[in-house]
C-alpha cells in the first residue's frame, strides 16, 4: 500500500486526506497507531525517555595563559 507520486496514480487531494485523518481520530485509530509505534520503538531501545539538549558555539579564542610560566601555549599544528 502506498501513494506513487512518480507513477500515473492519482494522488488524494487535501480534502480527502483531511476527511481520512478525521475518521482516524474519531475512531481512536490515531492513538492506537501512535501507541503501537511507541511500544515498538521502546521494545527495540529506540525511544528516548529523557535527556538534555545542549547548544554549543565554537569560537576562535587565544590559547590560555593559565600555565606555570604565564605564557600562551603554542598553536596546535
PDB file of N, CA and C in Angstrom:
ATOM      1  N   UNK A   1       0.843  -1.175   0.000  1.00  0.00           N
ATOM      2  CA  UNK A   1       0.000   0.000   0.000  1.00  0.00           C
ATOM      3  C   UNK A   1       0.886   1.234   0.000  1.00  0.00           C
ATOM      4  N   UNK A   2       0.563   2.206  -0.791  1.00  0.00           N
ATOM      5  CA  UNK A   2       1.335   3.431  -0.836  1.00  0.00           C
ATOM      6  C   UNK A   2       0.803   4.358  -1.897  1.00  0.00           C
ATOM      7  N   UNK A   3       1.364   5.517  -1.929  1.00  0.00           N
ATOM      8  CA  UNK A   3       0.987   6.500  -2.933  1.00  0.00           C
ATOM      9  C   UNK A   3       2.203   6.697  -3.826  1.00  0.00           C
ATOM     10  N   UNK A   4       2.072   6.365  -5.093  1.00  0.00           N
ATOM     11  CA  UNK A   4       3.175   6.515  -6.028  1.00  0.00           C
ATOM     12  C   UNK A   4       3.128   7.880  -6.687  1.00  0.00           C
ATOM     13  N   UNK A   5       3.893   8.823  -6.160  1.00  0.00           N
ATOM     14  CA  UNK A   5       3.873  10.182  -6.687  1.00  0.00           C
ATOM     15  C   UNK A   5       4.506  10.272  -8.073  1.00  0.00           C
ATOM     16  N   UNK A   6       5.376   9.340  -8.409  1.00  0.00           N
ATOM     17  CA  UNK A   6       6.047   9.386  -9.702  1.00  0.00           C
ATOM     18  C   UNK A   6       5.355   8.532 -10.753  1.00  0.00           C
ATOM     19  N   UNK A   7       4.345   7.816 -10.359  1.00  0.00           N
ATOM     20  CA  UNK A   7       3.630   6.951 -11.296  1.00  0.00           C
ATOM     21  C   UNK A   7       2.418   7.692 -11.857  1.00  0.00           C
ATOM     22  N   UNK A   8       1.623   6.987 -12.562  1.00  0.00           N
ATOM     23  CA  UNK A   8       0.419   7.564 -13.159  1.00  0.00           C
ATOM     24  C   UNK A   8      -0.771   7.583 -12.205  1.00  0.00           C
ATOM     25  N   UNK A   9      -0.555   7.176 -10.948  1.00  0.00           N
ATOM     26  CA  UNK A   9      -1.653   7.134  -9.987  1.00  0.00           C
ATOM     27  C   UNK A   9      -2.074   8.546  -9.589  1.00  0.00           C
ATOM     28  N   UNK A  10      -3.368   8.691  -9.295  1.00  0.00           N
ATOM     29  CA  UNK A  10      -3.872   9.981  -8.856  1.00  0.00           C
ATOM     30  C   UNK A  10      -3.644  10.117  -7.350  1.00  0.00           C
ATOM     31  N   UNK A  11      -3.078  11.228  -6.927  1.00  0.00           N
ATOM     32  CA  UNK A  11      -2.791  11.488  -5.525  1.00  0.00           C
ATOM     33  C   UNK A  11      -4.029  12.105  -4.885  1.00  0.00           C
ATOM     34  N   UNK A  12      -4.402  11.664  -3.650  1.00  0.00           N
ATOM     35  CA  UNK A  12      -5.575  12.241  -2.985  1.00  0.00           C
ATOM     36  C   UNK A  12      -5.400  13.740  -2.751  1.00  0.00           C
ATOM     37  N   UNK A  13      -6.501  14.485  -2.851  1.00  0.00           N
ATOM     38  CA  UNK A  13      -6.431  15.920  -2.601  1.00  0.00           C
ATOM     39  C   UNK A  13      -6.495  16.199  -1.098  1.00  0.00           C
ATOM     40  N   UNK A  14      -6.314  17.459  -0.714  1.00  0.00           N
ATOM     41  CA  UNK A  14      -6.254  17.850   0.696  1.00  0.00           C
ATOM     42  C   UNK A  14      -7.549  17.510   1.439  1.00  0.00           C
ATOM     43  N   UNK A  15      -8.682  17.691   0.800  1.00  0.00           N
ATOM     44  CA  UNK A  15      -9.969  17.402   1.450  1.00  0.00           C
ATOM     45  C   UNK A  15     -10.080  15.927   1.794  1.00  0.00           C
ATOM     46  N   UNK A  16      -9.687  15.076   0.874  1.00  0.00           N
ATOM     47  CA  UNK A  16      -9.742  13.630   1.106  1.00  0.00           C
ATOM     48  C   UNK A  16      -8.837  13.240   2.272  1.00  0.00           C
ATOM     49  N   UNK A  17      -7.627  13.795   2.299  1.00  0.00           N
ATOM     50  CA  UNK A  17      -6.697  13.487   3.387  1.00  0.00           C
ATOM     51  C   UNK A  17      -7.222  13.993   4.727  1.00  0.00           C
ATOM     52  N   UNK A  18      -7.824  15.187   4.741  1.00  0.00           N
ATOM     53  CA  UNK A  18      -8.391  15.733   5.988  1.00  0.00           C
ATOM     54  C   UNK A  18      -9.557  14.882   6.488  1.00  0.00           C
ATOM     55  N   UNK A  19     -10.407  14.438   5.576  1.00  0.00           N
ATOM     56  CA  UNK A  19     -11.540  13.577   5.957  1.00  0.00           C
ATOM     57  C   UNK A  19     -11.034  12.251   6.513  1.00  0.00           C
ATOM     58  N   UNK A  20      -9.985  11.699   5.886  1.00  0.00           N
ATOM     59  CA  UNK A  20      -9.408  10.443   6.339  1.00  0.00           C
ATOM     60  C   UNK A  20      -8.808  10.605   7.735  1.00  0.00           C
ATOM     61  N   UNK A  21      -8.075  11.722   7.949  1.00  0.00           N
ATOM     62  CA  UNK A  21      -7.490  11.980   9.259  1.00  0.00           C
ATOM     63  C   UNK A  21      -8.575  12.137  10.317  1.00  0.00           C
ATOM     64  N   UNK A  22      -9.662  12.821   9.993  1.00  0.00           N
ATOM     65  CA  UNK A  22     -10.773  12.986  10.943  1.00  0.00           C
ATOM     66  C   UNK A  22     -11.395  11.640  11.289  1.00  0.00           C
ATOM     67  N   UNK A  23     -11.557  10.797  10.291  1.00  0.00           N
ATOM     68  CA  UNK A  23     -12.106   9.457  10.510  1.00  0.00           C
ATOM     69  C   UNK A  23     -11.203   8.658  11.452  1.00  0.00           C
ATOM     70  N   UNK A  24      -9.884   8.740  11.246  1.00  0.00           N
ATOM     71  CA  UNK A  24      -8.942   8.040  12.128  1.00  0.00           C
ATOM     72  C   UNK A  24      -9.057   8.563  13.559  1.00  0.00           C
ATOM     73  N   UNK A  25      -9.111   9.895  13.714  1.00  0.00           N
ATOM     74  CA  UNK A  25      -9.211  10.491  15.049  1.00  0.00           C
ATOM     75  C   UNK A  25     -10.528  10.141  15.730  1.00  0.00           C
ATOM     76  N   UNK A  26     -11.621  10.234  15.000  1.00  0.00           N
ATOM     77  CA  UNK A  26     -12.947   9.974  15.569  1.00  0.00           C
ATOM     78  C   UNK A  26     -13.087   8.536  16.071  1.00  0.00           C
ATOM     79  N   UNK A  27     -12.372   7.616  15.471  1.00  0.00           N
ATOM     80  CA  UNK A  27     -12.484   6.207  15.842  1.00  0.00           C
ATOM     81  C   UNK A  27     -11.331   5.725  16.729  1.00  0.00           C
ATOM     82  N   UNK A  28     -10.496   6.654  17.194  1.00  0.00           N
ATOM     83  CA  UNK A  28      -9.417   6.308  18.114  1.00  0.00           C
ATOM     84  C   UNK A  28      -8.262   5.556  17.468  1.00  0.00           C
ATOM     85  N   UNK A  29      -8.233   5.528  16.155  1.00  0.00           N
ATOM     86  CA  UNK A  29      -7.193   4.768  15.457  1.00  0.00           C
ATOM     87  C   UNK A  29      -5.852   5.506  15.511  1.00  0.00           C
ATOM     88  N   UNK A  30      -5.886   6.828  15.520  1.00  0.00           N
ATOM     89  CA  UNK A  30      -4.651   7.601  15.587  1.00  0.00           C
ATOM     90  C   UNK A  30      -3.902   7.293  16.874  1.00  0.00           C
ATOM     91  N   UNK A  31      -4.602   7.298  18.012  1.00  0.00           N
ATOM     92  CA  UNK A  31      -3.977   6.991  19.295  1.00  0.00           C
ATOM     93  C   UNK A  31      -3.459   5.558  19.292  1.00  0.00           C
ATOM     94  N   UNK A  32      -4.236   4.640  18.777  1.00  0.00           N
ATOM     95  CA  UNK A  32      -3.823   3.240  18.698  1.00  0.00           C
ATOM     96  C   UNK A  32      -2.548   3.101  17.865  1.00  0.00           C
ATOM     97  N   UNK A  33      -2.506   3.800  16.735  1.00  0.00           N
ATOM     98  CA  UNK A  33      -1.347   3.751  15.854  1.00  0.00           C
ATOM     99  C   UNK A  33      -0.098   4.281  16.557  1.00  0.00           C
ATOM    100  N   UNK A  34      -0.190   5.477  17.161  1.00  0.00           N
ATOM    101  CA  UNK A  34       0.971   6.062  17.818  1.00  0.00           C
ATOM    102  C   UNK A  34       1.397   5.275  19.050  1.00  0.00           C
ATOM    103  N   UNK A  35       0.438   4.710  19.778  1.00  0.00           N
ATOM    104  CA  UNK A  35       0.785   3.853  20.916  1.00  0.00           C
ATOM    105  C   UNK A  35       1.535   2.609  20.445  1.00  0.00           C
ATOM    106  N   UNK A  36       1.126   2.055  19.308  1.00  0.00           N
ATOM    107  CA  UNK A  36       1.802   0.879  18.748  1.00  0.00           C
ATOM    108  C   UNK A  36       3.220   1.212  18.305  1.00  0.00           C
ATOM    109  N   UNK A  37       3.380   2.355  17.648  1.00  0.00           N
ATOM    110  CA  UNK A  37       4.712   2.786  17.211  1.00  0.00           C
ATOM    111  C   UNK A  37       5.600   3.034  18.420  1.00  0.00           C
ATOM    112  N   UNK A  38       5.058   3.710  19.442  1.00  0.00           N
ATOM    113  CA  UNK A  38       5.819   3.977  20.661  1.00  0.00           C
ATOM    114  C   UNK A  38       6.257   2.677  21.324  1.00  0.00           C
ATOM    115  N   UNK A  39       5.361   1.712  21.416  1.00  0.00           N
ATOM    116  CA  UNK A  39       5.673   0.416  22.017  1.00  0.00           C
ATOM    117  C   UNK A  39       6.765  -0.307  21.233  1.00  0.00           C
ATOM    118  N   UNK A  40       6.668  -0.271  19.905  1.00  0.00           N
ATOM    119  CA  UNK A  40       7.670  -0.907  19.048  1.00  0.00           C
ATOM    120  C   UNK A  40       9.042  -0.271  19.264  1.00  0.00           C
ATOM    121  N   UNK A  41       9.097   1.060  19.253  1.00  0.00           N
ATOM    122  CA  UNK A  41      10.363   1.766  19.445  1.00  0.00           C
ATOM    123  C   UNK A  41      10.949   1.487  20.827  1.00  0.00           C
ATOM    124  N   UNK A  42      10.083   1.420  21.830  1.00  0.00           N
ATOM    125  CA  UNK A  42      10.527   1.151  23.195  1.00  0.00           C
ATOM    126  C   UNK A  42      11.107  -0.259  23.312  1.00  0.00           C
ATOM    127  N   UNK A  43      10.450  -1.228  22.709  1.00  0.00           N
ATOM    128  CA  UNK A  43      10.926  -2.618  22.739  1.00  0.00           C
ATOM    129  C   UNK A  43      12.291  -2.761  22.085  1.00  0.00           C
ATOM    130  N   UNK A  44      12.554  -1.940  21.081  1.00  0.00           N
ATOM    131  CA  UNK A  44      13.810  -2.033  20.339  1.00  0.00           C
ATOM    132  C   UNK A  44      14.857  -1.026  20.827  1.00  0.00           C
ATOM    133  N   UNK A  45      14.582  -0.381  21.949  1.00  0.00           N
ATOM    134  CA  UNK A  45      15.538   0.545  22.542  1.00  0.00           C
ATOM    135  C   UNK A  45      15.779   1.801  21.729  1.00  0.00           C
ATOM    136  N   UNK A  46      14.807   2.206  20.943  1.00  0.00           N
ATOM    137  CA  UNK A  46      14.975   3.382  20.088  1.00  0.00           C
ATOM    138  C   UNK A  46      14.184   4.587  20.572  1.00  0.00           C
ATOM    139  N   UNK A  47      13.572   4.492  21.736  1.00  0.00           N
ATOM    140  CA  UNK A  47      12.738   5.570  22.240  1.00  0.00           C
ATOM    141  C   UNK A  47      13.472   6.293  23.366  1.00  0.00           C
ATOM    142  N   UNK A  48      13.573   7.603  23.241  1.00  0.00           N
ATOM    143  CA  UNK A  48      14.247   8.394  24.263  1.00  0.00           C
ATOM    144  C   UNK A  48      13.240   8.735  25.354  1.00  0.00           C
ATOM    145  N   UNK A  49      13.613   8.435  26.590  1.00  0.00           N
ATOM    146  CA  UNK A  49      12.725   8.719  27.719  1.00  0.00           C
ATOM    147  C   UNK A  49      13.083  10.013  28.426  1.00  0.00           C
ATOM    148  N   UNK A  50      14.233  10.557  28.136  1.00  0.00           N
ATOM    149  CA  UNK A  50      14.645  11.803  28.763  1.00  0.00           C
ATOM    150  C   UNK A  50      16.016  12.181  28.255  1.00  0.00           C
ATOM    151  N   UNK A  51      16.400  13.389  28.516  1.00  0.00           N
ATOM    152  CA  UNK A  51      17.703  13.817  28.065  1.00  0.00           C
ATOM    153  C   UNK A  51      17.852  15.314  28.222  1.00  0.00           C
ATOM    154  N   UNK A  52      18.955  15.790  27.731  1.00  0.00           N
ATOM    155  CA  UNK A  52      19.259  17.206  27.825  1.00  0.00           C
ATOM    156  C   UNK A  52      19.680  17.711  26.458  1.00  0.00           C
ATOM    157  N   UNK A  53      19.174  18.842  26.088  1.00  0.00           N
ATOM    158  CA  UNK A  53      19.581  19.474  24.842  1.00  0.00           C
ATOM    159  C   UNK A  53      20.707  20.443  25.182  1.00  0.00           C
ATOM    160  N   UNK A  54      21.802  20.312  24.464  1.00  0.00           N
ATOM    161  CA  UNK A  54      22.953  21.174  24.690  1.00  0.00           C
ATOM    162  C   UNK A  54      23.248  21.923  23.405  1.00  0.00           C
ATOM    163  N   UNK A  55      23.446  23.219  23.545  1.00  0.00           N
ATOM    164  CA  UNK A  55      23.807  24.038  22.392  1.00  0.00           C
ATOM    165  C   UNK A  55      25.197  24.602  22.658  1.00  0.00           C
ATOM    166  N   UNK A  56      26.078  24.459  21.709  1.00  0.00           N
ATOM    167  CA  UNK A  56      27.442  24.962  21.884  1.00  0.00           C
ATOM    168  C   UNK A  56      27.867  25.701  20.630  1.00  0.00           C
ATOM    169  N   UNK A  57      28.629  26.745  20.838  1.00  0.00           N
ATOM    170  CA  UNK A  57      29.179  27.508  19.727  1.00  0.00           C
ATOM    171  C   UNK A  57      30.696  27.501  19.867  1.00  0.00           C
ATOM    172  N   UNK A  58      31.376  27.146  18.793  1.00  0.00           N
ATOM    173  CA  UNK A  58      32.831  27.136  18.812  1.00  0.00           C
ATOM    174  C   UNK A  58      33.314  28.470  18.258  1.00  0.00           C
ATOM    175  N   UNK A  59      34.162  29.138  19.033  1.00  0.00           N
ATOM    176  CA  UNK A  59      34.683  30.434  18.609  1.00  0.00           C
ATOM    177  C   UNK A  59      36.205  30.392  18.600  1.00  0.00           C
ATOM    178  N   UNK A  60      36.814  31.234  17.816  1.00  0.00           N
ATOM    179  CA  UNK A  60      38.262  31.361  17.780  1.00  0.00           C
ATOM    180  C   UNK A  60      38.678  32.225  18.966  1.00  0.00           C
ATOM    181  N   UNK A  61      39.550  31.687  19.819  1.00  0.00           N
ATOM    182  CA  UNK A  61      39.993  32.426  21.005  1.00  0.00           C
ATOM    183  C   UNK A  61      41.472  32.159  21.221  1.00  0.00           C
ATOM    184  N   UNK A  62      42.187  33.114  21.818  1.00  0.00           N
ATOM    185  CA  UNK A  62      43.607  32.879  22.095  1.00  0.00           C
ATOM    186  C   UNK A  62      43.770  31.749  23.105  1.00  0.00           C
ATOM    187  N   UNK A  63      44.916  31.074  23.045  1.00  0.00           N
ATOM    188  CA  UNK A  63      45.158  29.980  23.974  1.00  0.00           C
ATOM    189  C   UNK A  63      45.297  30.523  25.394  1.00  0.00           C
ATOM    190  N   UNK A  64      45.162  29.652  26.355  1.00  0.00           N
ATOM    191  CA  UNK A  64      45.169  30.045  27.760  1.00  0.00           C
ATOM    192  C   UNK A  64      46.545  30.501  28.228  1.00  0.00           C
ATOM    193  N   UNK A  65      46.546  31.425  29.183  1.00  0.00           N
ATOM    194  CA  UNK A  65      47.796  31.848  29.823  1.00  0.00           C
ATOM    195  C   UNK A  65      47.837  31.326  31.258  1.00  0.00           C
ATOM    196  N   UNK A  66      47.002  30.363  31.562  1.00  0.00           N
ATOM    197  CA  UNK A  66      46.922  29.851  32.931  1.00  0.00           C
ATOM    198  C   UNK A  66      47.853  28.649  33.119  1.00  0.00           C
ATOM    199  N   UNK A  67      49.084  28.783  32.668  1.00  0.00           N
ATOM    200  CA  UNK A  67      50.068  27.741  32.919  1.00  0.00           C
ATOM    201  C   UNK A  67      51.108  28.291  33.889  1.00  0.00           C
ATOM    202  N   UNK A  68      52.046  27.469  34.303  1.00  0.00           N
ATOM    203  CA  UNK A  68      53.010  27.896  35.323  1.00  0.00           C
ATOM    204  C   UNK A  68      53.930  29.006  34.848  1.00  0.00           C
ATOM    205  N   UNK A  69      54.216  29.086  33.531  1.00  0.00           N
ATOM    206  CA  UNK A  69      55.105  30.119  33.006  1.00  0.00           C
ATOM    207  C   UNK A  69      54.364  31.403  32.645  1.00  0.00           C
ATOM    208  N   UNK A  70      53.053  31.422  32.809  1.00  0.00           N
ATOM    209  CA  UNK A  70      52.212  32.563  32.421  1.00  0.00           C
ATOM    210  C   UNK A  70      52.420  32.941  30.952  1.00  0.00           C
ATOM    211  N   UNK A  71      52.675  31.932  30.121  1.00  0.00           N
ATOM    212  CA  UNK A  71      52.887  32.102  28.689  1.00  0.00           C
ATOM    213  C   UNK A  71      51.734  31.459  27.933  1.00  0.00           C
ATOM    214  N   UNK A  72      51.476  31.955  26.752  1.00  0.00           N
ATOM    215  CA  UNK A  72      50.465  31.322  25.910  1.00  0.00           C
ATOM    216  C   UNK A  72      51.038  30.036  25.325  1.00  0.00           C
ATOM    217  N   UNK A  73      50.186  29.010  25.234  1.00  0.00           N
ATOM    218  CA  UNK A  73      50.611  27.758  24.609  1.00  0.00           C
ATOM    219  C   UNK A  73      50.811  27.991  23.112  1.00  0.00           C
ATOM    220  N   UNK A  74      51.737  27.258  22.530  1.00  0.00           N
ATOM    221  CA  UNK A  74      51.920  27.348  21.087  1.00  0.00           C
ATOM    222  C   UNK A  74      50.703  26.788  20.391  1.00  0.00           C
ATOM    223  N   UNK A  75      50.446  27.312  19.230  1.00  0.00           N
ATOM    224  CA  UNK A  75      49.279  26.830  18.481  1.00  0.00           C
ATOM    225  C   UNK A  75      49.475  25.379  18.075  1.00  0.00           C
ATOM    226  N   UNK A  76      48.389  24.652  18.026  1.00  0.00           N
ATOM    227  CA  UNK A  76      48.432  23.248  17.601  1.00  0.00           C
ATOM    228  C   UNK A  76      48.783  23.196  16.127  1.00  0.00           C
ATOM    229  N   UNK A  77      49.646  22.245  15.705  1.00  0.00           N
ATOM    230  CA  UNK A  77      49.984  22.141  14.273  1.00  0.00           C
ATOM    231  C   UNK A  77      48.822  21.642  13.463  1.00  0.00           C
TER     232      UNK A  77
END
